[in-house]
Amino acid sequence: MAGGALSGGIDGNKRLTVMTAIAYYTPFKPLGFPHPSGDLTIATGLRDHLLGAGFRMSYPSRLRARWIYGKPWLWPVILRDRRRSLRINPRPDIWLTYHTYYKSPDVLGPWASRKLGIPYVIFQGIYSTRPQRHWKTAAGFYLNRRALLQAQHVFTNRREDMINLQRIIADENLTYIAPGIVPEQFVFDAGARNDLRAVWNITESEPVILSAAMFRTGVKCDGLSWLIETCVVLHRQGEKFHLVIAGDGKERRRLLALAERLPSERVHFIGKIPRSEMHRVYSACDIFAFPGIRETLGMVYLEAQSCGLPVVAFENGGIPEVVESGVTGFLTPLFEHKPYADVLLRLMNDLPLCRRMGDAGQRRVRTAHDIHRNYRRIETVLHRLVS
């Protein structure tokens, strides 16, 4: 049995005497990256779960490998971190990489795991042949493909990625893990609802739409702009509601300008909220609306549902994997204003429906998207690989 691996399994309530050591690397965004995102949330959640399950974790590199093949000034860092990875203490039993794809391929794990003679595992590997066809991305395609083919096991939390990975990876080396959160961290807080509504000067009978995203150029800001424009249409139709937007970033001025077409007392930009405090904000609102243009998954949808909010989003990307349309919210066609506005209006005028969908969302998160339950399959595979 490999050094640091299991020494006999679990007997009743006995703890494992020797724990598996993992070298954990996140080439897309290093842990502690200053700008929050769903990818960072998943990477951190995976680490925290494995630590809680008794694995020992080491972090061989903080190298951000985004477009690394086009940044020759970073190549010496690759060589440095490769050498460092051979001196990790405690010596790892397994190398685990979170999120490798053509824009950010893992250039450390395949080499280091081979040199150390340990299994190489990927969580959230992505495979697509399209980058192979363009000279700017071909190098990333081949580096990523090489990593995927070397892995003893690949986990994915998206059905679409699962289908693509099956083109090059045998089924026995591939596992789908439904995306999840820690439900206990996102529960309805009646006290916070009362407190925040008092601060915002909102009565209990007034519907509140919440959105949350970083104000980044691109699809995040475009999604918030879409929502604000939809709310402007509803306001002009005479609808009474409040819009609360959590987040911040360099596009703040643009979004504030768009929101000037709504009554100032009914729009609340509340800034960047720590994730540990977001359950309070969800609890104070009635509907969570964020279009999610080409959203890979969107952890905010799970968080909102866990706190009892129905979701309104586009039916695209990975959103249908975390929102059950017609049950825990509504998913509408991409870039069609009327269907999106219609379901927002329906929920605003039927708060009992909001509550029923919110209750359904809470149940679904706790049965299908509980990180504790879903990630046990990862533990099982990791132990099997090192035994």
Protein backbone atom coordinates (compact mmCIF):
# COMPACT_ATOMS: atom_id res chain seq x y z
CA MET A 1 0.00 0.00 0.00
CA ALA A 2 1.28 3.49 -0.85
CA GLY A 3 2.78 5.57 1.93
CA GLY A 4 0.11 7.59 3.75
CA ALA A 5 -2.74 5.50 2.32
CA LEU A 6 -5.38 3.69 4.32
CA SER A 7 -4.12 1.14 6.80
CA GLY A 8 -7.08 -1.13 7.19
CA GLY A 9 -10.26 0.88 6.59
CA ILE A 10 -12.90 2.06 9.06
CA ASP A 11 -14.00 -0.17 11.94
CA GLY A 12 -17.16 1.20 13.59
CA ASN A 13 -16.44 4.69 14.88
CA LYS A 14 -12.65 4.35 14.74
CA ARG A 15 -10.85 7.07 12.84
CA LEU A 16 -8.35 6.21 10.16
CA THR A 17 -4.91 6.02 11.73
CA VAL A 18 -3.06 7.06 8.58
CA MET A 19 -4.68 9.54 6.21
CA THR A 20 -4.22 9.91 2.49
CA ALA A 21 -2.07 12.91 1.53
CA ILE A 22 -3.18 14.95 -1.49
CA ALA A 23 -1.20 17.45 -3.55
CA TYR A 24 -3.93 19.88 -4.61
CA TYR A 25 -3.45 22.26 -7.52
CA THR A 26 -5.88 24.74 -9.11
CA PRO A 27 -4.36 26.01 -12.38
CA PHE A 28 -7.33 28.17 -13.39
CA LYS A 29 -7.45 30.30 -10.23
CA PRO A 30 -5.28 29.74 -7.15
CA LEU A 31 -7.04 29.31 -3.84
CA GLY A 32 -7.55 32.71 -2.24
CA PHE A 33 -7.81 34.47 -5.60
CA PRO A 34 -9.08 38.01 -4.85
CA HIS A 35 -12.03 37.99 -7.27
CA PRO A 36 -14.83 35.62 -6.21
CA SER A 37 -16.38 33.29 -8.75
CA GLY A 38 -18.24 30.01 -8.99
CA ASP A 39 -15.04 28.22 -9.99
CA LEU A 40 -13.26 29.47 -6.90
CA THR A 41 -16.23 28.50 -4.73
CA ILE A 42 -16.14 24.93 -6.06
CA ALA A 43 -12.36 24.65 -5.69
CA THR A 44 -12.52 25.89 -2.10
CA GLY A 45 -15.51 23.69 -1.28
CA LEU A 46 -13.72 20.61 -2.59
CA ARG A 47 -10.66 21.39 -0.49
CA ASP A 48 -12.72 22.01 2.64
CA HIS A 49 -14.68 18.81 2.19
CA LEU A 50 -11.57 16.68 1.77
CA LEU A 51 -9.94 18.28 4.81
CA GLY A 52 -13.10 17.59 6.79
CA ALA A 53 -13.03 13.98 5.61
CA GLY A 54 -9.56 13.53 7.06
CA PHE A 55 -7.33 13.91 4.01
CA ARG A 56 -4.06 15.77 4.42
CA MET A 57 -3.64 18.56 1.87
CA SER A 58 -0.58 20.27 0.45
CA TYR A 59 -0.49 22.97 -2.21
CA PRO A 60 2.44 22.57 -4.60
CA SER A 61 1.90 25.74 -6.62
CA ARG A 62 -0.03 28.98 -6.91
CA LEU A 63 0.84 29.35 -10.58
CA ARG A 64 -2.15 30.62 -12.56
CA ALA A 65 -1.86 28.79 -15.86
CA ARG A 66 -4.38 30.86 -17.83
CA TRP A 67 -2.92 31.21 -21.35
CA ILE A 68 0.36 29.91 -19.91
CA TYR A 69 1.56 28.66 -23.31
CA GLY A 70 1.51 32.25 -24.59
CA LYS A 71 3.39 33.69 -21.62
CA PRO A 72 7.05 32.62 -21.93
CA TRP A 73 8.05 34.82 -18.99
CA LEU A 74 6.13 32.38 -16.74
CA TRP A 75 7.80 29.24 -18.07
CA PRO A 76 10.67 29.47 -15.52
CA VAL A 77 7.98 29.40 -12.81
CA ILE A 78 6.74 26.09 -14.25
CA LEU A 79 10.24 24.63 -13.94
CA ARG A 80 10.63 25.99 -10.41
CA ASP A 81 7.29 24.62 -9.23
CA ARG A 82 7.93 21.26 -10.87
CA ARG A 83 11.11 20.94 -8.80
CA ARG A 84 9.26 22.05 -5.67
CA SER A 85 6.51 19.51 -6.25
CA LEU A 86 9.05 16.70 -5.84
CA ARG A 87 9.86 17.94 -2.33
CA ILE A 88 6.31 18.23 -0.98
CA ASN A 89 6.02 17.34 2.68
CA PRO A 90 4.17 15.19 3.56
CA ARG A 91 4.90 13.21 0.45
CA PRO A 92 1.58 12.98 -1.43
CA ASP A 93 -0.19 9.72 -2.17
CA ILE A 94 -2.18 11.32 -4.96
CA TRP A 95 -2.18 14.45 -7.11
CA LEU A 96 -5.54 16.18 -7.52
CA THR A 97 -6.02 19.03 -9.98
CA TYR A 98 -9.16 21.15 -10.05
CA HIS A 99 -10.28 22.46 -13.45
CA THR A 100 -8.05 21.97 -16.44
CA TYR A 101 -9.06 23.02 -19.95
CA TYR A 102 -7.46 24.50 -23.05
CA LYS A 103 -7.22 28.07 -21.69
CA SER A 104 -5.68 26.89 -18.46
CA PRO A 105 -4.10 23.44 -18.89
CA ASP A 106 -2.42 21.60 -16.05
CA VAL A 107 1.29 21.74 -16.84
CA LEU A 108 2.42 20.54 -13.40
CA GLY A 109 0.29 17.59 -12.31
CA PRO A 110 0.97 15.13 -15.15
CA TRP A 111 4.75 15.60 -14.86
CA ALA A 112 4.93 15.64 -11.04
CA SER A 113 2.65 12.66 -10.50
CA ARG A 114 4.67 10.60 -12.98
CA LYS A 115 7.94 11.54 -11.27
CA LEU A 116 6.50 10.81 -7.82
CA GLY A 117 4.90 7.57 -8.98
CA ILE A 118 1.47 8.50 -7.65
CA PRO A 119 -2.03 8.54 -9.22
CA TYR A 120 -3.08 11.67 -11.06
CA VAL A 121 -6.73 12.75 -10.72
CA ILE A 122 -8.68 15.66 -12.22
CA PHE A 123 -11.85 17.23 -10.90
CA GLN A 124 -13.70 19.19 -13.58
CA GLY A 125 -11.71 18.39 -16.65
CA ILE A 126 -13.12 19.89 -19.84
CA TYR A 127 -12.57 18.59 -23.36
CA SER A 128 -13.46 20.18 -26.68
CA THR A 129 -11.86 19.72 -30.10
CA ARG A 130 -12.70 23.21 -31.33
CA PRO A 131 -9.51 24.84 -29.88
CA GLN A 132 -7.45 22.35 -31.89
CA ARG A 133 -8.41 24.14 -35.09
CA HIS A 134 -6.92 27.55 -34.28
CA TRP A 135 -3.22 28.24 -33.97
CA LYS A 136 -3.72 30.49 -30.94
CA THR A 137 -5.37 27.74 -28.89
CA ALA A 138 -3.97 24.53 -30.38
CA ALA A 139 -1.13 24.37 -27.83
CA GLY A 140 -3.63 24.61 -24.99
CA PHE A 141 -5.74 21.90 -26.57
CA TYR A 142 -2.86 19.42 -26.75
CA LEU A 143 -1.54 20.22 -23.26
CA ASN A 144 -5.01 19.76 -21.79
CA ARG A 145 -5.66 16.58 -23.79
CA ARG A 146 -2.38 15.13 -22.58
CA ALA A 147 -3.35 15.81 -18.97
CA LEU A 148 -6.79 14.23 -19.40
CA LEU A 149 -5.36 11.11 -21.04
CA GLN A 150 -2.78 10.65 -18.28
CA ALA A 151 -5.33 10.92 -15.45
CA GLN A 152 -6.23 7.71 -13.64
CA HIS A 153 -9.64 9.24 -12.96
CA VAL A 154 -11.58 12.32 -14.04
CA PHE A 155 -14.57 13.81 -12.21
CA THR A 156 -16.95 16.28 -13.80
CA ASN A 157 -19.89 18.26 -12.44
CA ARG A 158 -21.50 19.01 -15.80
CA ARG A 159 -23.45 16.57 -17.97
CA GLU A 160 -22.29 18.28 -21.16
CA ASP A 161 -18.66 17.89 -20.14
CA MET A 162 -19.31 14.27 -19.25
CA ILE A 163 -20.47 13.56 -22.81
CA ASN A 164 -17.40 15.24 -24.32
CA LEU A 165 -14.99 13.49 -21.96
CA GLN A 166 -16.43 10.09 -22.88
CA ARG A 167 -14.90 10.60 -26.34
CA ILE A 168 -11.39 10.07 -24.94
CA ILE A 169 -11.80 8.56 -21.45
CA ALA A 170 -13.11 5.13 -20.56
CA ASP A 171 -16.33 5.06 -18.54
CA GLU A 172 -14.69 3.28 -15.61
CA ASN A 173 -12.26 6.21 -15.26
CA LEU A 174 -14.94 8.89 -15.41
CA THR A 175 -17.47 9.95 -12.75
CA TYR A 176 -20.23 12.55 -12.77
CA ILE A 177 -20.61 14.43 -9.48
CA ALA A 178 -23.67 16.65 -9.21
CA PRO A 179 -22.72 20.22 -8.23
CA GLY A 180 -23.39 21.06 -4.62
CA ILE A 181 -23.06 23.41 -1.69
CA VAL A 182 -23.07 23.05 2.08
CA PRO A 183 -26.81 23.52 2.73
CA GLU A 184 -26.28 24.43 6.39
CA GLN A 185 -24.46 27.57 5.27
CA PHE A 186 -27.50 28.79 3.33
CA VAL A 187 -30.66 28.66 5.40
CA PHE A 188 -33.56 31.08 5.64
CA ASP A 189 -33.05 33.72 8.35
CA ALA A 190 -36.29 35.40 9.41
CA GLY A 191 -34.46 37.90 11.61
CA ALA A 192 -32.23 39.01 8.75
CA ARG A 193 -35.29 39.39 6.53
CA ASN A 194 -36.89 41.79 8.98
CA ASP A 195 -33.69 43.70 9.65
CA LEU A 196 -32.66 44.22 6.02
CA ARG A 197 -36.13 45.11 4.82
CA ALA A 198 -36.25 47.75 7.53
CA VAL A 199 -32.90 49.14 6.33
CA TRP A 200 -34.14 49.17 2.72
CA ASN A 201 -37.54 50.57 3.79
CA ILE A 202 -39.47 47.68 2.22
CA THR A 203 -42.70 46.31 3.67
CA GLU A 204 -43.40 42.58 3.83
CA SER A 205 -46.07 42.81 1.14
CA GLU A 206 -43.75 44.34 -1.49
CA PRO A 207 -42.02 41.83 -3.82
CA VAL A 208 -38.22 42.02 -3.89
CA ILE A 209 -36.10 40.78 -6.80
CA LEU A 210 -32.51 39.96 -5.95
CA SER A 211 -29.55 39.59 -8.29
CA ALA A 212 -25.90 38.97 -7.43
CA ALA A 213 -22.77 38.96 -9.57
CA MET A 214 -19.40 40.62 -9.91
CA PHE A 215 -19.61 43.76 -12.05
CA ARG A 216 -17.13 42.43 -14.60
CA THR A 217 -17.01 43.30 -18.28
CA GLY A 218 -18.58 40.53 -20.33
CA VAL A 219 -21.40 38.14 -19.60
CA LYS A 220 -21.71 39.02 -15.90
CA CYS A 221 -22.34 42.69 -16.55
CA ASP A 222 -24.39 41.90 -19.65
CA GLY A 223 -26.64 39.67 -17.56
CA LEU A 224 -27.18 42.35 -14.93
CA SER A 225 -27.87 44.90 -17.67
CA TRP A 226 -30.46 42.56 -19.18
CA LEU A 227 -32.20 42.21 -15.82
CA ILE A 228 -32.23 45.97 -15.18
CA GLU A 229 -33.68 46.63 -18.63
CA THR A 230 -36.38 44.02 -18.02
CA CYS A 231 -37.22 45.65 -14.71
CA VAL A 232 -37.47 49.04 -16.46
CA VAL A 233 -40.10 47.54 -18.78
CA LEU A 234 -42.05 46.15 -15.84
CA HIS A 235 -41.86 49.48 -14.04
CA ARG A 236 -43.25 51.31 -17.08
CA GLN A 237 -46.13 48.86 -17.06
CA GLY A 238 -46.98 50.08 -13.57
CA GLU A 239 -45.60 47.18 -11.57
CA LYS A 240 -44.44 47.91 -8.01
CA PHE A 241 -41.37 46.04 -6.79
CA HIS A 242 -37.88 46.51 -5.41
CA LEU A 243 -34.64 45.45 -7.11
CA VAL A 244 -31.65 44.55 -4.92
CA ILE A 245 -28.27 43.99 -6.57
CA ALA A 246 -25.31 42.54 -4.65
CA GLY A 247 -21.83 42.87 -6.11
CA ASP A 248 -19.22 45.37 -7.21
CA GLY A 249 -16.59 45.92 -9.86
CA LYS A 250 -15.34 48.24 -12.56
CA GLU A 251 -18.68 48.24 -14.42
CA ARG A 252 -20.51 49.71 -11.44
CA ARG A 253 -20.93 53.14 -13.04
CA ARG A 254 -22.48 51.62 -16.17
CA LEU A 255 -25.00 49.63 -14.14
CA LEU A 256 -25.88 52.60 -11.94
CA ALA A 257 -26.57 54.64 -15.07
CA LEU A 258 -28.91 51.95 -16.41
CA ALA A 259 -30.75 51.78 -13.10
CA GLU A 260 -31.46 55.53 -13.12
CA ARG A 261 -34.55 54.75 -15.20
CA LEU A 262 -36.06 53.10 -12.12
CA PRO A 263 -37.26 55.02 -9.03
CA SER A 264 -34.21 55.53 -6.84
CA GLU A 265 -36.05 54.39 -3.70
CA ARG A 266 -36.78 51.05 -5.37
CA VAL A 267 -33.24 50.14 -6.49
CA HIS A 268 -30.69 49.05 -3.89
CA PHE A 269 -27.04 48.48 -4.82
CA ILE A 270 -25.72 46.86 -1.65
CA GLY A 271 -22.10 46.26 -2.68
CA LYS A 272 -19.97 43.15 -2.44
CA ILE A 273 -21.28 40.84 0.28
CA PRO A 274 -19.09 38.13 1.86
CA ARG A 275 -20.35 34.67 0.95
CA SER A 276 -20.76 33.89 4.63
CA GLU A 277 -23.33 36.72 4.85
CA MET A 278 -25.22 36.07 1.61
CA HIS A 279 -27.83 33.87 3.33
CA ARG A 280 -29.08 37.02 5.07
CA VAL A 281 -29.54 38.82 1.75
CA TYR A 282 -31.27 35.85 0.10
CA SER A 283 -33.62 35.63 3.10
CA ALA A 284 -34.66 39.27 2.76
CA CYS A 285 -35.80 38.85 -0.85
CA ASP A 286 -38.50 36.93 -2.71
CA ILE A 287 -37.08 36.08 -6.16
CA PHE A 288 -33.55 35.45 -7.37
CA ALA A 289 -33.09 36.67 -10.96
CA PHE A 290 -29.86 36.49 -12.91
CA PRO A 291 -29.96 35.51 -16.60
CA GLY A 292 -26.69 33.57 -16.54
CA ILE A 293 -25.45 34.06 -20.10
CA ARG A 294 -23.36 30.98 -20.98
CA GLU A 295 -23.18 30.22 -17.26
CA THR A 296 -21.15 27.09 -16.60
CA LEU A 297 -23.14 26.22 -13.48
CA GLY A 298 -23.80 29.19 -11.25
CA MET A 299 -23.41 28.36 -7.57
CA VAL A 300 -25.56 31.36 -6.67
CA TYR A 301 -28.60 29.50 -7.99
CA LEU A 302 -28.05 26.70 -5.49
CA GLU A 303 -27.43 29.18 -2.68
CA ALA A 304 -30.62 31.10 -3.47
CA GLN A 305 -32.73 27.94 -3.66
CA SER A 306 -31.25 26.67 -0.41
CA CYS A 307 -32.55 29.85 1.26
CA GLY A 308 -36.01 29.39 -0.24
CA LEU A 309 -35.97 31.63 -3.33
CA PRO A 310 -37.32 30.66 -6.75
CA VAL A 311 -34.90 31.30 -9.60
CA VAL A 312 -35.44 33.08 -12.94
CA ALA A 313 -32.66 32.48 -15.46
CA PHE A 314 -31.89 31.56 -19.06
CA GLU A 315 -32.12 27.94 -20.11
CA ASN A 316 -28.52 27.58 -21.20
CA GLY A 317 -25.14 26.29 -20.07
CA GLY A 318 -25.19 24.29 -16.85
CA ILE A 319 -28.15 26.12 -15.28
CA PRO A 320 -30.69 23.33 -16.02
CA GLU A 321 -28.53 21.01 -13.90
CA VAL A 322 -29.17 23.12 -10.79
CA VAL A 323 -32.62 24.65 -11.45
CA GLU A 324 -35.69 22.54 -12.26
CA SER A 325 -37.81 24.75 -14.48
CA GLY A 326 -41.43 24.93 -13.42
CA VAL A 327 -40.59 23.41 -10.03
CA THR A 328 -37.84 25.45 -8.34
CA GLY A 329 -38.00 28.41 -10.71
CA PHE A 330 -38.38 29.33 -14.36
CA LEU A 331 -35.83 28.99 -17.17
CA THR A 332 -36.58 31.01 -20.30
CA PRO A 333 -35.14 31.05 -23.85
CA LEU A 334 -31.84 32.84 -24.30
CA PHE A 335 -32.13 36.60 -24.99
CA GLU A 336 -35.94 36.71 -25.20
CA HIS A 337 -37.22 39.61 -23.12
CA LYS A 338 -40.95 38.83 -23.05
CA PRO A 339 -40.77 35.30 -21.57
CA TYR A 340 -38.27 36.53 -18.97
CA ALA A 341 -40.44 39.50 -18.00
CA ASP A 342 -43.59 37.33 -17.97
CA VAL A 343 -42.25 34.86 -15.39
CA LEU A 344 -40.88 37.66 -13.21
CA LEU A 345 -44.31 39.29 -13.31
CA ARG A 346 -46.00 35.99 -12.50
CA LEU A 347 -43.85 35.44 -9.42
CA MET A 348 -44.15 39.06 -8.23
CA ASN A 349 -47.94 38.82 -8.36
CA ASP A 350 -48.12 35.38 -6.75
CA LEU A 351 -45.99 35.31 -3.60
CA PRO A 352 -47.56 31.98 -2.48
CA LEU A 353 -46.14 30.50 -5.72
CA CYS A 354 -42.77 31.99 -4.79
CA ARG A 355 -42.93 30.23 -1.45
CA ARG A 356 -43.96 26.89 -2.98
CA MET A 357 -41.13 27.04 -5.49
CA GLY A 358 -38.78 28.16 -2.76
CA ASP A 359 -39.75 25.19 -0.60
CA ALA A 360 -39.20 22.87 -3.56
CA GLY A 361 -35.78 24.43 -4.14
CA GLN A 362 -34.77 23.88 -0.53
CA ARG A 363 -35.75 20.21 -0.74
CA ARG A 364 -33.95 19.72 -4.03
CA VAL A 365 -30.71 21.24 -2.77
CA ARG A 366 -30.75 19.03 0.31
CA THR A 367 -31.46 15.84 -1.62
CA ALA A 368 -29.53 16.32 -4.88
CA HIS A 369 -26.97 19.07 -4.26
CA ASP A 370 -25.59 18.45 -0.77
CA ILE A 371 -21.81 18.61 -1.07
CA HIS A 372 -21.34 16.23 1.88
CA ARG A 373 -23.32 13.49 0.18
CA ASN A 374 -22.10 14.04 -3.38
CA TYR A 375 -18.41 14.30 -2.58
CA ARG A 376 -18.33 10.98 -0.71
CA ARG A 377 -18.03 9.36 -4.13
CA ILE A 378 -14.81 11.30 -4.62
CA GLU A 379 -13.46 10.02 -1.32
CA THR A 380 -14.23 6.45 -2.34
CA VAL A 381 -12.39 6.75 -5.65
CA LEU A 382 -9.36 8.47 -4.12
CA HIS A 383 -9.00 5.79 -1.45
CA ARG A 384 -9.33 3.07 -4.06
CA LEU A 385 -6.65 4.62 -6.25
CA VAL A 386 -4.04 4.81 -3.48
CA SER A 387 -4.81 1.43 -1.94
